[in-house]
Amino acid sequence: MISSSEIAGILERTDFPKSRSEIIKIAKDKKASNEIINVLNTLPNKQYNSLAGIWDAIGEVE
């Protein structure tokens, strides 16, 4: 399981809002692990206004 701190580390200094595809691109550009990319790929396709919003969505998917 991915921790919120791992995702926060990858997405730190990210300006929001961002779409799911933008979030995944940022993570790939920052060489995130395949595990993190796989989790981000499960996010609903919508705009996210904060890191907390991403984490909430991940919790709903799991």
C-alpha atoms as a PDB file:
ATOM      1  CA  MET A   1       0.000   0.000   0.000  1.00  0.00           C
ATOM      2  CA  ILE A   2       1.170   3.497  -0.834  1.00  0.00           C
ATOM      3  CA  SER A   3       1.388   5.997   1.997  1.00  0.00           C
ATOM      4  CA  SER A   4       0.187   9.563   1.786  1.00  0.00           C
ATOM      5  CA  SER A   5       3.757  10.723   2.405  1.00  0.00           C
ATOM      6  CA  GLU A   6       4.995   8.850  -0.691  1.00  0.00           C
ATOM      7  CA  ILE A   7       2.404  10.554  -2.867  1.00  0.00           C
ATOM      8  CA  ALA A   8       3.051  13.884  -1.176  1.00  0.00           C
ATOM      9  CA  GLY A   9       6.766  13.492  -1.875  1.00  0.00           C
ATOM     10  CA  ILE A  10       6.108  12.994  -5.573  1.00  0.00           C
ATOM     11  CA  LEU A  11       3.545  15.783  -5.862  1.00  0.00           C
ATOM     12  CA  GLU A  12       5.159  18.361  -3.585  1.00  0.00           C
ATOM     13  CA  ARG A  13       5.250  21.850  -5.073  1.00  0.00           C
ATOM     14  CA  THR A  14       2.452  20.951  -7.481  1.00  0.00           C
ATOM     15  CA  ASP A  15       0.060  23.782  -8.220  1.00  0.00           C
ATOM     16  CA  PHE A  16      -3.568  22.726  -8.157  1.00  0.00           C
ATOM     17  CA  PRO A  17      -6.083  22.217  -9.664  1.00  0.00           C
ATOM     18  CA  LYS A  18      -4.798  19.341 -11.821  1.00  0.00           C
ATOM     19  CA  SER A  19      -6.529  16.648 -13.838  1.00  0.00           C
ATOM     20  CA  ARG A  20      -5.829  12.956 -13.321  1.00  0.00           C
ATOM     21  CA  SER A  21      -3.745  12.861 -16.517  1.00  0.00           C
ATOM     22  CA  GLU A  22      -1.691  15.881 -15.380  1.00  0.00           C
ATOM     23  CA  ILE A  23      -1.088  14.248 -11.984  1.00  0.00           C
ATOM     24  CA  ILE A  24       0.088  11.025 -13.624  1.00  0.00           C
ATOM     25  CA  LYS A  25       2.390  12.945 -15.986  1.00  0.00           C
ATOM     26  CA  ILE A  26       3.949  14.813 -13.056  1.00  0.00           C
ATOM     27  CA  ALA A  27       4.501  11.534 -11.206  1.00  0.00           C
ATOM     28  CA  LYS A  28       6.112   9.920 -14.271  1.00  0.00           C
ATOM     29  CA  ASP A  29       8.309  12.976 -14.861  1.00  0.00           C
ATOM     30  CA  LYS A  30       9.505  12.693 -11.255  1.00  0.00           C
ATOM     31  CA  LYS A  31      10.301   8.984 -11.752  1.00  0.00           C
ATOM     32  CA  ALA A  32       7.610   7.715  -9.374  1.00  0.00           C
ATOM     33  CA  SER A  33       7.534   3.982  -8.790  1.00  0.00           C
ATOM     34  CA  ASN A  34       5.261   1.778 -10.879  1.00  0.00           C
ATOM     35  CA  GLU A  35       3.242   1.143  -7.733  1.00  0.00           C
ATOM     36  CA  ILE A  36       2.504   4.867  -7.330  1.00  0.00           C
ATOM     37  CA  ILE A  37       1.673   5.238 -11.037  1.00  0.00           C
ATOM     38  CA  ASN A  38      -0.681   2.251 -10.827  1.00  0.00           C
ATOM     39  CA  VAL A  39      -2.479   3.784  -7.849  1.00  0.00           C
ATOM     40  CA  LEU A  40      -2.785   7.161  -9.586  1.00  0.00           C
ATOM     41  CA  ASN A  41      -4.207   5.406 -12.667  1.00  0.00           C
ATOM     42  CA  THR A  42      -7.125   4.229 -10.519  1.00  0.00           C
ATOM     43  CA  LEU A  43      -8.179   7.794  -9.685  1.00  0.00           C
ATOM     44  CA  PRO A  44     -11.499   8.967 -11.089  1.00  0.00           C
ATOM     45  CA  ASN A  45     -10.987  11.112 -14.182  1.00  0.00           C
ATOM     46  CA  LYS A  46     -11.668  14.584 -12.776  1.00  0.00           C
ATOM     47  CA  GLN A  47      -9.980  17.751 -11.524  1.00  0.00           C
ATOM     48  CA  TYR A  48      -8.245  17.634  -8.140  1.00  0.00           C
ATOM     49  CA  ASN A  49      -7.945  20.809  -6.103  1.00  0.00           C
ATOM     50  CA  SER A  50      -5.445  19.554  -3.545  1.00  0.00           C
ATOM     51  CA  LEU A  51      -3.284  16.655  -2.464  1.00  0.00           C
ATOM     52  CA  ALA A  52      -5.929  15.869   0.160  1.00  0.00           C
ATOM     53  CA  GLY A  53      -8.483  15.464  -2.631  1.00  0.00           C
ATOM     54  CA  ILE A  54      -6.226  12.939  -4.343  1.00  0.00           C
ATOM     55  CA  TRP A  55      -5.737  11.011  -1.132  1.00  0.00           C
ATOM     56  CA  ASP A  56      -9.499  10.981  -0.470  1.00  0.00           C
ATOM     57  CA  ALA A  57     -10.126   9.615  -3.973  1.00  0.00           C
ATOM     58  CA  ILE A  58      -7.502   6.895  -3.490  1.00  0.00           C
ATOM     59  CA  GLY A  59      -9.230   5.870  -0.269  1.00  0.00           C
ATOM     60  CA  GLU A  60     -12.549   5.563  -2.119  1.00  0.00           C
ATOM     61  CA  VAL A  61     -11.003   3.389  -4.834  1.00  0.00           C
ATOM     62  CA  GLU A  62      -9.259   0.918  -2.504  1.00  0.00           C
END
